[in-house]
Amino acid sequence: MRLSFILKSLGAAIFSIALCCGAEKADGWVNILPDASLKGWTRIPIPAVDGLKPTLQWRVDATQNILICDCTGGHEWLRYDQELGDYILRAEFRYTPKTQEPLKYNSGIGVRLSKYGELWVQAQLGYNGNFLFGVNFADGALARFHLGKEMKEDRLKPAGQWNTYEIRVQGGKVTLTSNGVVVSEVDGIGLRKGYIGLEAEGYEIAFRNVQLKILE
């Protein structure tokens, strides 16, 4: 019993050190928002074979504790570099309001990403809804899925206002909660460990309070 306790405590300490992006709270939540160096996060082009654009479109505003993507450097993931199994991810985001048409705000938060993004589950942040879609590996093949039509409720607030997403990733199931309501779920995800990614696509977006809690 004592050995089990020691190993569990050691594992928790290693996890906290490995994340190294913020102090672990008493309830197990860890802030993983990067600092200005973006250390611990890697830019991954979408698709990976396209190669990265030279423009760095991500920056951190330390005074407001927010991560901003101005979306001038192409379509890509900003990938958190810790491979994860089961967890809950919370994040707040808002779009910078635009006046020109069309206003098709579009971005996403990815979970269960393969290292270079060939497999992915995305929580859509666009104003076509808040739902899950992606590329899964099942029955020996890659298969796209899109749950836009199954979205239970569109909860996104207008550009300029903060939204809160919670994404629960456990076993083969991913559940998306948007502003306090479960809006989309998918089961049968083949990749049981993967990465988190923030997507850049077309419109300036800010993230804050990016919190991670590992599920045992």
Protein backbone atom coordinates (compact mmCIF):
# COMPACT_ATOMS: atom_id res chain seq x y z
CA MET A 1 0.00 0.00 0.00
CA ARG A 2 2.82 2.42 0.91
CA LEU A 3 4.70 1.60 -2.32
CA SER A 4 1.57 2.27 -4.35
CA PHE A 5 1.17 5.63 -2.64
CA ILE A 6 4.79 6.57 -3.32
CA LEU A 7 4.54 5.63 -6.99
CA LYS A 8 1.31 7.58 -7.40
CA SER A 9 2.84 10.65 -5.75
CA LEU A 10 5.95 10.35 -7.89
CA GLY A 11 3.86 10.08 -11.04
CA ALA A 12 1.93 13.22 -10.12
CA ALA A 13 5.16 15.10 -9.49
CA ILE A 14 6.64 14.02 -12.84
CA PHE A 15 3.47 15.06 -14.62
CA SER A 16 3.55 18.49 -13.02
CA ILE A 17 7.20 19.01 -13.96
CA ALA A 18 6.66 17.77 -17.51
CA LEU A 19 3.85 20.23 -18.14
CA CYS A 20 5.98 23.10 -16.80
CA CYS A 21 3.58 25.72 -18.15
CA GLY A 22 1.94 26.59 -14.85
CA ALA A 23 1.36 25.45 -11.31
CA GLU A 24 -0.89 22.48 -10.70
CA LYS A 25 -3.95 23.38 -8.66
CA ALA A 26 -5.16 21.31 -5.73
CA ASP A 27 -7.98 19.85 -7.84
CA GLY A 28 -5.57 18.61 -10.52
CA TRP A 29 -6.05 21.34 -13.14
CA VAL A 30 -2.91 22.66 -14.85
CA ASN A 31 -2.62 25.84 -16.89
CA ILE A 32 -0.90 24.96 -20.18
CA LEU A 33 -1.14 28.35 -21.90
CA PRO A 34 2.35 28.93 -23.36
CA ASP A 35 4.63 31.82 -22.48
CA ALA A 36 5.97 34.29 -25.04
CA SER A 37 8.57 31.80 -26.28
CA LEU A 38 5.83 29.24 -27.16
CA LYS A 39 8.10 26.63 -25.55
CA GLY A 40 6.41 23.24 -25.34
CA TRP A 41 4.25 23.94 -28.40
CA THR A 42 5.06 23.27 -32.08
CA ARG A 43 3.58 24.68 -35.29
CA ILE A 44 2.27 21.92 -37.57
CA PRO A 45 1.02 22.79 -41.10
CA ILE A 46 -2.37 21.55 -42.30
CA PRO A 47 -1.90 19.27 -44.14
CA ALA A 48 1.55 18.40 -42.80
CA VAL A 49 3.01 17.87 -46.30
CA ASP A 50 2.38 21.53 -47.21
CA GLY A 51 5.22 22.82 -45.03
CA LEU A 52 5.14 25.77 -42.65
CA LYS A 53 4.74 29.32 -43.87
CA PRO A 54 7.57 31.65 -42.71
CA THR A 55 5.24 34.05 -40.88
CA LEU A 56 4.80 33.37 -37.15
CA GLN A 57 1.15 34.10 -36.48
CA TRP A 58 1.01 33.21 -32.77
CA ARG A 59 1.93 35.55 -29.94
CA VAL A 60 1.28 35.80 -26.19
CA ASP A 61 0.02 38.97 -24.54
CA ALA A 62 1.51 38.54 -21.07
CA THR A 63 -0.37 41.48 -19.58
CA GLN A 64 -3.73 39.86 -20.40
CA ASN A 65 -2.54 36.22 -20.21
CA ILE A 66 -3.94 35.44 -23.65
CA LEU A 67 -2.61 33.61 -26.70
CA ILE A 68 -3.43 35.38 -29.96
CA CYS A 69 -3.36 34.02 -33.49
CA ASP A 70 -3.57 36.78 -36.11
CA CYS A 71 -4.05 34.16 -38.85
CA THR A 72 -1.54 35.69 -41.26
CA GLY A 73 0.73 32.66 -41.49
CA GLY A 74 -1.40 30.01 -43.15
CA HIS A 75 -3.46 27.05 -42.02
CA GLU A 76 -1.82 25.18 -39.13
CA TRP A 77 -2.04 23.62 -35.70
CA LEU A 78 -0.20 24.97 -32.69
CA ARG A 79 0.39 21.57 -31.10
CA TYR A 80 0.95 21.01 -27.38
CA ASP A 81 3.95 18.69 -27.26
CA GLN A 82 2.88 16.29 -24.52
CA GLU A 83 1.26 13.08 -25.78
CA LEU A 84 -1.82 12.46 -23.67
CA GLY A 85 -4.28 9.67 -22.99
CA ASP A 86 -7.48 10.51 -21.09
CA TYR A 87 -8.10 14.06 -19.90
CA ILE A 88 -10.41 17.05 -19.74
CA LEU A 89 -9.42 20.23 -21.56
CA ARG A 90 -10.97 23.62 -20.85
CA ALA A 91 -10.33 26.75 -22.88
CA GLU A 92 -11.86 30.14 -23.46
CA PHE A 93 -11.73 31.80 -26.88
CA ARG A 94 -13.03 34.83 -28.72
CA TYR A 95 -12.81 36.14 -32.26
CA THR A 96 -11.72 39.68 -33.08
CA PRO A 97 -14.78 41.36 -34.63
CA LYS A 98 -14.52 42.14 -38.35
CA THR A 99 -16.64 44.47 -40.42
CA GLN A 100 -15.99 43.18 -43.92
CA GLU A 101 -18.02 40.36 -45.47
CA PRO A 102 -18.24 37.44 -45.41
CA LEU A 103 -17.92 36.92 -41.66
CA LYS A 104 -17.30 33.19 -41.68
CA TYR A 105 -15.24 32.99 -38.48
CA ASN A 106 -13.50 29.63 -38.41
CA SER A 107 -11.03 27.86 -36.14
CA GLY A 108 -10.88 24.82 -33.86
CA ILE A 109 -9.41 22.94 -30.94
CA GLY A 110 -7.98 19.54 -31.79
CA VAL A 111 -7.68 16.47 -29.56
CA ARG A 112 -6.32 12.99 -30.18
CA LEU A 113 -4.11 14.39 -32.92
CA SER A 114 -1.43 12.13 -34.32
CA LYS A 115 2.05 13.70 -34.17
CA TYR A 116 1.76 15.44 -37.53
CA GLY A 117 -1.99 15.75 -37.69
CA GLU A 118 -2.92 12.92 -40.04
CA LEU A 119 -5.52 11.80 -37.47
CA TRP A 120 -7.53 14.34 -35.52
CA VAL A 121 -10.75 15.15 -33.71
CA GLN A 122 -11.66 18.83 -33.94
CA ALA A 123 -14.05 20.82 -31.82
CA GLN A 124 -15.27 23.37 -34.33
CA LEU A 125 -15.20 27.00 -33.19
CA GLY A 126 -16.76 28.48 -36.32
CA TYR A 127 -20.07 30.21 -36.75
CA ASN A 128 -21.40 27.29 -38.72
CA GLY A 129 -21.81 25.61 -35.34
CA ASN A 130 -20.03 23.95 -32.44
CA PHE A 131 -19.57 20.24 -33.12
CA LEU A 132 -16.97 17.51 -33.56
CA PHE A 133 -15.47 16.28 -36.82
CA GLY A 134 -12.19 14.82 -38.00
CA VAL A 135 -10.31 11.84 -39.36
CA ASN A 136 -10.49 8.58 -37.41
CA PHE A 137 -8.64 5.28 -37.78
CA ALA A 138 -11.04 2.37 -37.53
CA ASP A 139 -11.24 -1.12 -39.06
CA GLY A 140 -7.80 -0.69 -40.58
CA ALA A 141 -8.58 2.46 -42.58
CA LEU A 142 -8.78 6.24 -42.32
CA ALA A 143 -12.33 7.54 -42.18
CA ARG A 144 -13.64 11.08 -42.07
CA PHE A 145 -16.58 11.96 -39.83
CA HIS A 146 -18.59 15.17 -39.45
CA LEU A 147 -21.24 15.66 -36.74
CA GLY A 148 -22.52 19.07 -37.79
CA LYS A 149 -26.02 17.77 -38.45
CA GLU A 150 -26.09 16.03 -35.05
CA MET A 151 -25.14 19.20 -33.13
CA LYS A 152 -27.56 19.49 -30.21
CA GLU A 153 -27.47 23.28 -29.84
CA ASP A 154 -25.49 26.21 -31.26
CA ARG A 155 -24.09 27.97 -28.21
CA LEU A 156 -21.43 30.27 -29.66
CA LYS A 157 -21.53 33.94 -28.68
CA PRO A 158 -20.94 36.82 -31.11
CA ALA A 159 -17.40 37.80 -32.08
CA GLY A 160 -15.74 39.85 -29.36
CA GLN A 161 -17.27 37.83 -26.53
CA TRP A 162 -15.51 35.01 -24.68
CA ASN A 163 -16.76 31.43 -25.13
CA THR A 164 -15.89 28.47 -22.91
CA TYR A 165 -15.28 24.98 -24.27
CA GLU A 166 -14.77 21.81 -22.25
CA ILE A 167 -13.61 18.71 -24.12
CA ARG A 168 -13.60 15.37 -22.32
CA VAL A 169 -11.39 12.74 -23.95
CA GLN A 170 -11.75 9.29 -22.40
CA GLY A 171 -11.18 5.92 -24.01
CA GLY A 172 -12.63 6.09 -27.50
CA LYS A 173 -15.11 8.84 -26.62
CA VAL A 174 -14.86 12.62 -27.02
CA THR A 175 -17.52 14.94 -25.57
CA LEU A 176 -17.75 18.65 -26.36
CA THR A 177 -19.42 21.09 -23.96
CA SER A 178 -19.97 24.62 -25.30
CA ASN A 179 -20.74 27.40 -22.82
CA GLY A 180 -22.06 24.91 -20.28
CA VAL A 181 -24.09 22.59 -22.52
CA VAL A 182 -23.05 19.27 -24.12
CA VAL A 183 -23.46 19.86 -27.85
CA SER A 184 -21.57 17.03 -29.60
CA GLU A 185 -20.21 13.55 -28.84
CA VAL A 186 -18.33 10.92 -30.80
CA ASP A 187 -17.40 7.36 -29.82
CA GLY A 188 -15.09 4.79 -31.38
CA ILE A 189 -11.99 6.96 -31.81
CA GLY A 190 -9.18 4.56 -32.63
CA LEU A 191 -6.19 6.62 -31.48
CA ARG A 192 -6.08 6.28 -27.68
CA LYS A 193 -3.15 8.67 -27.14
CA GLY A 194 -2.47 11.87 -28.99
CA TYR A 195 -1.87 15.59 -28.90
CA ILE A 196 -3.83 18.79 -28.34
CA GLY A 197 -3.80 21.45 -31.04
CA LEU A 198 -5.15 24.96 -31.50
CA GLU A 199 -6.09 25.68 -35.10
CA ALA A 200 -5.34 28.80 -37.11
CA GLU A 201 -7.60 29.38 -40.09
CA GLY A 202 -8.47 32.74 -41.52
CA TYR A 203 -9.65 34.96 -38.64
CA GLU A 204 -7.85 36.44 -35.65
CA ILE A 205 -8.69 34.52 -32.49
CA ALA A 206 -7.55 34.68 -28.85
CA PHE A 207 -7.35 31.91 -26.25
CA ARG A 208 -7.09 32.15 -22.48
CA ASN A 209 -7.43 29.89 -19.40
CA VAL A 210 -6.28 26.81 -21.29
CA GLN A 211 -6.55 24.21 -18.52
CA LEU A 212 -5.78 20.50 -18.54
CA LYS A 213 -6.79 17.78 -16.07
CA ILE A 214 -5.51 14.23 -16.50
CA LEU A 215 -8.03 11.43 -15.91
CA GLU A 216 -6.71 8.30 -14.22
